[in-house]
Amino acid sequence: MSMKEKLHTGELYLPGDEEIMKEQLAKLDRLYDFNMTRPTEMEKREALLKEMFAQIGEGCYIEPPLHSNFGGGHVHFGKNVYVNFNLTLVDDTHIYVGDYTMIGPNVVIATAGHPILPELREQAYQYNMPVRIGKNCWIGSGAIILPGITIGDNVVVGAGSVVTKDLPSNVVAVGNPCRVLREVNDHDKEYYFKDRKIDYRQL
């Protein structure tokens, strides 16, 4: 099995492999083009994202700068995904994000890891584990999602959280390490922020 084939198997491999680097650099050139677009060049951004990403649904918006190991080449977005400034996608293997999910500024979603054994790190060995984020999630500013994590639907991840374990659907989770604080409940149908009530007549 080639080093490139090991990208998506979870096995140890060498990321500096010539075949991998050739493909990666070509994708990073397209990412550079995306990050250099002007705010008024919305159609150009949309066209570039369709070229860059493995899959991207309709109505997605990503605010540059975007950082991505493979330029989005292993990233799968559903429809109407919103991304604020400075998202880092360590997309050495696949990242899946469901419809209507919102990602705050300075979020990191990482699929790549390195062995604990120093001798293997000296040789630059790496492994990759996919990340899956469900539909209708809100990933708060500065959150970090580690390799191999699965997050269910309708999940709120608090700002600054470090997600080290899977999260079920319909919860609010916060902290380092990130833990479930509570379920999404009837209170959330009445209040949108502290004592601020939702006025459904205005929506």
C-alpha atoms as a PDB file:
ATOM      1  CA  MET A   1       0.000   0.000   0.000  1.00  0.00           C
ATOM      2  CA  SER A   2       1.357   3.415  -0.966  1.00  0.00           C
ATOM      3  CA  MET A   3       1.726   6.307   1.475  1.00  0.00           C
ATOM      4  CA  LYS A   4      -1.070   8.143  -0.346  1.00  0.00           C
ATOM      5  CA  GLU A   5      -3.415   5.175   0.064  1.00  0.00           C
ATOM      6  CA  LYS A   6      -2.773   5.251   3.824  1.00  0.00           C
ATOM      7  CA  LEU A   7      -4.154   8.805   4.145  1.00  0.00           C
ATOM      8  CA  HIS A   8      -7.649   7.461   4.747  1.00  0.00           C
ATOM      9  CA  THR A   9      -6.968   4.150   6.517  1.00  0.00           C
ATOM     10  CA  GLY A  10      -5.844   5.369   9.952  1.00  0.00           C
ATOM     11  CA  GLU A  11      -2.466   3.679   9.466  1.00  0.00           C
ATOM     12  CA  LEU A  12       0.890   5.347  10.107  1.00  0.00           C
ATOM     13  CA  TYR A  13       2.368   7.014   7.027  1.00  0.00           C
ATOM     14  CA  LEU A  14       4.861   9.691   6.018  1.00  0.00           C
ATOM     15  CA  PRO A  15       3.127  12.947   4.962  1.00  0.00           C
ATOM     16  CA  GLY A  16       6.238  14.195   3.148  1.00  0.00           C
ATOM     17  CA  ASP A  17       5.837  11.474   0.516  1.00  0.00           C
ATOM     18  CA  GLU A  18       6.459  12.884  -2.977  1.00  0.00           C
ATOM     19  CA  GLU A  19       3.120  11.746  -4.420  1.00  0.00           C
ATOM     20  CA  ILE A  20       1.195  13.249  -1.488  1.00  0.00           C
ATOM     21  CA  MET A  21       3.108  16.526  -1.579  1.00  0.00           C
ATOM     22  CA  LYS A  22       2.524  17.017  -5.304  1.00  0.00           C
ATOM     23  CA  GLU A  23      -1.255  16.732  -4.885  1.00  0.00           C
ATOM     24  CA  GLN A  24      -1.292  18.747  -1.662  1.00  0.00           C
ATOM     25  CA  LEU A  25       0.634  21.700  -3.095  1.00  0.00           C
ATOM     26  CA  ALA A  26      -1.684  21.929  -6.098  1.00  0.00           C
ATOM     27  CA  LYS A  27      -4.674  22.116  -3.747  1.00  0.00           C
ATOM     28  CA  LEU A  28      -2.942  24.727  -1.576  1.00  0.00           C
ATOM     29  CA  ASP A  29      -2.469  26.916  -4.654  1.00  0.00           C
ATOM     30  CA  ARG A  30      -6.259  26.979  -5.108  1.00  0.00           C
ATOM     31  CA  LEU A  31      -6.714  27.790  -1.411  1.00  0.00           C
ATOM     32  CA  TYR A  32      -4.328  30.716  -1.867  1.00  0.00           C
ATOM     33  CA  ASP A  33      -6.480  31.947  -4.750  1.00  0.00           C
ATOM     34  CA  PHE A  34      -9.594  31.754  -2.565  1.00  0.00           C
ATOM     35  CA  ASN A  35      -7.990  33.671   0.282  1.00  0.00           C
ATOM     36  CA  MET A  36      -6.861  36.423  -2.082  1.00  0.00           C
ATOM     37  CA  THR A  37     -10.378  37.163  -3.357  1.00  0.00           C
ATOM     38  CA  ARG A  38     -11.990  40.517  -2.637  1.00  0.00           C
ATOM     39  CA  PRO A  39     -15.157  40.717  -0.517  1.00  0.00           C
ATOM     40  CA  THR A  40     -17.128  41.730  -3.613  1.00  0.00           C
ATOM     41  CA  GLU A  41     -16.026  38.636  -5.564  1.00  0.00           C
ATOM     42  CA  MET A  42     -18.733  36.370  -4.183  1.00  0.00           C
ATOM     43  CA  GLU A  43     -19.310  34.425  -7.396  1.00  0.00           C
ATOM     44  CA  LYS A  44     -15.586  33.762  -7.743  1.00  0.00           C
ATOM     45  CA  ARG A  45     -15.426  32.481  -4.168  1.00  0.00           C
ATOM     46  CA  GLU A  46     -18.374  30.181  -4.766  1.00  0.00           C
ATOM     47  CA  ALA A  47     -16.817  28.766  -7.927  1.00  0.00           C
ATOM     48  CA  LEU A  48     -13.470  28.186  -6.205  1.00  0.00           C
ATOM     49  CA  LEU A  49     -15.097  26.374  -3.264  1.00  0.00           C
ATOM     50  CA  LYS A  50     -16.863  24.000  -5.640  1.00  0.00           C
ATOM     51  CA  GLU A  51     -13.503  23.265  -7.235  1.00  0.00           C
ATOM     52  CA  MET A  52     -11.595  22.977  -3.941  1.00  0.00           C
ATOM     53  CA  PHE A  53     -13.898  20.929  -1.712  1.00  0.00           C
ATOM     54  CA  ALA A  54     -14.650  17.234  -2.014  1.00  0.00           C
ATOM     55  CA  GLN A  55     -18.315  18.205  -1.627  1.00  0.00           C
ATOM     56  CA  ILE A  56     -20.033  21.514  -0.899  1.00  0.00           C
ATOM     57  CA  GLY A  57     -23.783  22.107  -0.854  1.00  0.00           C
ATOM     58  CA  GLU A  58     -25.755  25.110  -1.994  1.00  0.00           C
ATOM     59  CA  GLY A  59     -25.817  28.254   0.117  1.00  0.00           C
ATOM     60  CA  CYS A  60     -22.521  27.686   1.938  1.00  0.00           C
ATOM     61  CA  TYR A  61     -20.512  30.733   2.986  1.00  0.00           C
ATOM     62  CA  ILE A  62     -16.896  30.706   4.165  1.00  0.00           C
ATOM     63  CA  GLU A  63     -15.269  33.928   5.316  1.00  0.00           C
ATOM     64  CA  PRO A  64     -11.565  34.111   4.374  1.00  0.00           C
ATOM     65  CA  PRO A  65      -8.966  33.486   5.537  1.00  0.00           C
ATOM     66  CA  LEU A  66      -9.489  29.740   5.452  1.00  0.00           C
ATOM     67  CA  HIS A  67      -6.627  27.438   6.447  1.00  0.00           C
ATOM     68  CA  SER A  68      -6.652  23.849   5.227  1.00  0.00           C
ATOM     69  CA  ASN A  69      -3.953  21.206   4.866  1.00  0.00           C
ATOM     70  CA  PHE A  70      -5.443  19.899   1.626  1.00  0.00           C
ATOM     71  CA  GLY A  71      -7.292  23.033   0.543  1.00  0.00           C
ATOM     72  CA  GLY A  72     -10.644  21.453   1.371  1.00  0.00           C
ATOM     73  CA  GLY A  73      -9.901  18.463  -0.837  1.00  0.00           C
ATOM     74  CA  HIS A  74     -11.127  16.026   1.831  1.00  0.00           C
ATOM     75  CA  VAL A  75     -13.930  18.233   3.215  1.00  0.00           C
ATOM     76  CA  HIS A  76     -17.643  17.497   2.727  1.00  0.00           C
ATOM     77  CA  PHE A  77     -20.100  20.307   3.567  1.00  0.00           C
ATOM     78  CA  GLY A  78     -23.855  19.996   3.375  1.00  0.00           C
ATOM     79  CA  LYS A  79     -26.035  22.928   2.366  1.00  0.00           C
ATOM     80  CA  ASN A  80     -26.193  26.331   4.069  1.00  0.00           C
ATOM     81  CA  VAL A  81     -23.077  25.850   6.195  1.00  0.00           C
ATOM     82  CA  TYR A  82     -21.752  29.169   7.552  1.00  0.00           C
ATOM     83  CA  VAL A  83     -18.093  29.635   8.502  1.00  0.00           C
ATOM     84  CA  ASN A  84     -16.681  32.749  10.161  1.00  0.00           C
ATOM     85  CA  PHE A  85     -13.075  34.005   9.932  1.00  0.00           C
ATOM     86  CA  ASN A  86      -9.992  31.847  10.373  1.00  0.00           C
ATOM     87  CA  LEU A  87     -11.290  28.282  10.267  1.00  0.00           C
ATOM     88  CA  THR A  88      -8.460  25.736  10.298  1.00  0.00           C
ATOM     89  CA  LEU A  89      -9.256  22.398   8.659  1.00  0.00           C
ATOM     90  CA  VAL A  90      -6.528  19.815   9.166  1.00  0.00           C
ATOM     91  CA  ASP A  91      -8.125  17.775   6.402  1.00  0.00           C
ATOM     92  CA  ASP A  92      -5.506  15.106   5.808  1.00  0.00           C
ATOM     93  CA  THR A  93      -8.484  12.753   5.762  1.00  0.00           C
ATOM     94  CA  HIS A  94     -12.219  13.349   5.532  1.00  0.00           C
ATOM     95  CA  ILE A  95     -14.198  15.974   7.454  1.00  0.00           C
ATOM     96  CA  TYR A  96     -18.010  15.891   7.203  1.00  0.00           C
ATOM     97  CA  VAL A  97     -20.211  18.852   8.233  1.00  0.00           C
ATOM     98  CA  GLY A  98     -24.015  18.642   8.052  1.00  0.00           C
ATOM     99  CA  ASP A  99     -26.582  21.103   6.691  1.00  0.00           C
ATOM    100  CA  TYR A 100     -27.176  24.443   8.445  1.00  0.00           C
ATOM    101  CA  THR A 101     -24.210  24.091  10.771  1.00  0.00           C
ATOM    102  CA  MET A 102     -22.550  27.337  11.897  1.00  0.00           C
ATOM    103  CA  ILE A 103     -18.844  27.587  12.750  1.00  0.00           C
ATOM    104  CA  GLY A 104     -17.518  30.557  14.712  1.00  0.00           C
ATOM    105  CA  PRO A 105     -14.177  32.330  14.222  1.00  0.00           C
ATOM    106  CA  ASN A 106     -10.856  30.639  14.993  1.00  0.00           C
ATOM    107  CA  VAL A 107     -12.212  27.079  15.121  1.00  0.00           C
ATOM    108  CA  VAL A 108      -9.852  24.137  14.506  1.00  0.00           C
ATOM    109  CA  ILE A 109     -11.105  20.810  13.118  1.00  0.00           C
ATOM    110  CA  ALA A 110      -8.223  18.339  13.029  1.00  0.00           C
ATOM    111  CA  THR A 111      -8.007  14.834  11.555  1.00  0.00           C
ATOM    112  CA  ALA A 112      -4.231  14.346  11.865  1.00  0.00           C
ATOM    113  CA  GLY A 113      -2.306  12.961  14.818  1.00  0.00           C
ATOM    114  CA  HIS A 114       1.214  11.796  15.613  1.00  0.00           C
ATOM    115  CA  PRO A 115       2.395   8.795  17.656  1.00  0.00           C
ATOM    116  CA  ILE A 116       3.247   9.278  21.331  1.00  0.00           C
ATOM    117  CA  LEU A 117       6.465   7.281  20.819  1.00  0.00           C
ATOM    118  CA  PRO A 118       9.258   9.861  20.220  1.00  0.00           C
ATOM    119  CA  GLU A 119      11.218   7.613  17.861  1.00  0.00           C
ATOM    120  CA  LEU A 120       8.281   7.510  15.449  1.00  0.00           C
ATOM    121  CA  ARG A 121       7.775  11.271  15.635  1.00  0.00           C
ATOM    122  CA  GLU A 122      11.453  11.770  14.808  1.00  0.00           C
ATOM    123  CA  GLN A 123      10.694  10.046  11.509  1.00  0.00           C
ATOM    124  CA  ALA A 124       7.632  12.336  11.032  1.00  0.00           C
ATOM    125  CA  TYR A 125       5.066   9.535  11.064  1.00  0.00           C
ATOM    126  CA  GLN A 126       1.409  10.592  11.113  1.00  0.00           C
ATOM    127  CA  TYR A 127      -2.047   9.006  11.161  1.00  0.00           C
ATOM    128  CA  ASN A 128      -5.454  10.434  10.251  1.00  0.00           C
ATOM    129  CA  MET A 129      -8.931   9.824  11.672  1.00  0.00           C
ATOM    130  CA  PRO A 130     -12.087  11.364  10.128  1.00  0.00           C
ATOM    131  CA  VAL A 131     -14.279  13.941  11.892  1.00  0.00           C
ATOM    132  CA  ARG A 132     -18.074  14.039  11.538  1.00  0.00           C
ATOM    133  CA  ILE A 133     -20.252  16.989  12.600  1.00  0.00           C
ATOM    134  CA  GLY A 134     -24.023  16.687  12.280  1.00  0.00           C
ATOM    135  CA  LYS A 135     -26.760  19.005  11.047  1.00  0.00           C
ATOM    136  CA  ASN A 136     -27.833  22.255  12.712  1.00  0.00           C
ATOM    137  CA  CYS A 137     -24.809  22.459  14.977  1.00  0.00           C
ATOM    138  CA  TRP A 138     -23.194  25.628  16.308  1.00  0.00           C
ATOM    139  CA  ILE A 139     -19.468  25.354  16.946  1.00  0.00           C
ATOM    140  CA  GLY A 140     -18.477  28.313  19.137  1.00  0.00           C
ATOM    141  CA  SER A 141     -15.483  30.594  18.645  1.00  0.00           C
ATOM    142  CA  GLY A 142     -12.089  29.048  19.288  1.00  0.00           C
ATOM    143  CA  ALA A 143     -13.353  25.490  19.696  1.00  0.00           C
ATOM    144  CA  ILE A 144     -10.979  22.641  18.851  1.00  0.00           C
ATOM    145  CA  ILE A 145     -12.286  19.314  17.538  1.00  0.00           C
ATOM    146  CA  LEU A 146      -9.766  16.484  17.664  1.00  0.00           C
ATOM    147  CA  PRO A 147      -9.221  13.540  15.262  1.00  0.00           C
ATOM    148  CA  GLY A 148     -11.836  10.797  15.110  1.00  0.00           C
ATOM    149  CA  ILE A 149     -14.614  12.800  16.790  1.00  0.00           C
ATOM    150  CA  THR A 150     -18.299  12.442  15.887  1.00  0.00           C
ATOM    151  CA  ILE A 151     -20.745  15.190  16.909  1.00  0.00           C
ATOM    152  CA  GLY A 152     -24.480  14.549  16.585  1.00  0.00           C
ATOM    153  CA  ASP A 153     -27.213  16.832  15.215  1.00  0.00           C
ATOM    154  CA  ASN A 154     -28.411  20.062  16.880  1.00  0.00           C
ATOM    155  CA  VAL A 155     -25.353  20.331  19.135  1.00  0.00           C
ATOM    156  CA  VAL A 156     -23.969  23.579  20.563  1.00  0.00           C
ATOM    157  CA  VAL A 157     -20.248  23.449  21.375  1.00  0.00           C
ATOM    158  CA  GLY A 158     -19.286  26.320  23.673  1.00  0.00           C
ATOM    159  CA  ALA A 159     -16.585  28.832  22.779  1.00  0.00           C
ATOM    160  CA  GLY A 160     -13.073  27.661  23.592  1.00  0.00           C
ATOM    161  CA  SER A 161     -14.074  24.035  24.117  1.00  0.00           C
ATOM    162  CA  VAL A 162     -11.713  21.172  23.291  1.00  0.00           C
ATOM    163  CA  VAL A 163     -13.741  18.217  22.009  1.00  0.00           C
ATOM    164  CA  THR A 164     -11.888  15.014  22.928  1.00  0.00           C
ATOM    165  CA  LYS A 165     -14.851  12.591  22.937  1.00  0.00           C
ATOM    166  CA  ASP A 166     -17.953  12.055  20.786  1.00  0.00           C
ATOM    167  CA  LEU A 167     -21.016  14.196  21.565  1.00  0.00           C
ATOM    168  CA  PRO A 168     -24.618  12.945  21.206  1.00  0.00           C
ATOM    169  CA  SER A 169     -27.358  14.883  19.409  1.00  0.00           C
ATOM    170  CA  ASN A 170     -29.420  17.664  21.012  1.00  0.00           C
ATOM    171  CA  VAL A 171     -26.989  18.811  23.703  1.00  0.00           C
ATOM    172  CA  VAL A 172     -25.076  21.892  24.811  1.00  0.00           C
ATOM    173  CA  ALA A 173     -21.475  20.917  25.571  1.00  0.00           C
ATOM    174  CA  VAL A 174     -18.664  23.089  26.954  1.00  0.00           C
ATOM    175  CA  GLY A 175     -15.209  23.020  28.476  1.00  0.00           C
ATOM    176  CA  ASN A 176     -11.748  21.522  28.229  1.00  0.00           C
ATOM    177  CA  PRO A 177     -12.200  18.636  27.923  1.00  0.00           C
ATOM    178  CA  CYS A 178     -15.638  19.293  26.432  1.00  0.00           C
ATOM    179  CA  ARG A 179     -18.495  17.717  28.419  1.00  0.00           C
ATOM    180  CA  VAL A 180     -22.267  17.717  28.010  1.00  0.00           C
ATOM    181  CA  LEU A 181     -23.730  20.568  30.094  1.00  0.00           C
ATOM    182  CA  ARG A 182     -27.386  19.886  29.364  1.00  0.00           C
ATOM    183  CA  GLU A 183     -29.868  18.828  26.714  1.00  0.00           C
ATOM    184  CA  VAL A 184     -31.558  21.260  24.358  1.00  0.00           C
ATOM    185  CA  ASN A 185     -34.950  21.682  26.062  1.00  0.00           C
ATOM    186  CA  ASP A 186     -38.252  23.586  26.270  1.00  0.00           C
ATOM    187  CA  HIS A 187     -36.520  26.592  27.854  1.00  0.00           C
ATOM    188  CA  ASP A 188     -34.666  27.076  24.562  1.00  0.00           C
ATOM    189  CA  LYS A 189     -38.006  27.329  22.751  1.00  0.00           C
ATOM    190  CA  GLU A 190     -38.844  30.396  24.861  1.00  0.00           C
ATOM    191  CA  TYR A 191     -35.491  32.150  25.405  1.00  0.00           C
ATOM    192  CA  TYR A 192     -32.698  32.742  22.897  1.00  0.00           C
ATOM    193  CA  PHE A 193     -30.194  34.456  25.258  1.00  0.00           C
ATOM    194  CA  LYS A 194     -30.368  34.647  29.062  1.00  0.00           C
ATOM    195  CA  ASP A 195     -33.669  36.442  29.828  1.00  0.00           C
ATOM    196  CA  ARG A 196     -34.326  37.458  26.218  1.00  0.00           C
ATOM    197  CA  LYS A 197     -37.560  35.889  24.979  1.00  0.00           C
ATOM    198  CA  ILE A 198     -38.140  34.757  21.422  1.00  0.00           C
ATOM    199  CA  ASP A 199     -40.856  36.896  19.834  1.00  0.00           C
ATOM    200  CA  TYR A 200     -42.207  34.466  17.263  1.00  0.00           C
ATOM    201  CA  ARG A 201     -44.513  37.180  15.866  1.00  0.00           C
ATOM    202  CA  GLN A 202     -41.423  39.014  14.611  1.00  0.00           C
ATOM    203  CA  LEU A 203     -39.789  35.987  12.995  1.00  0.00           C
END
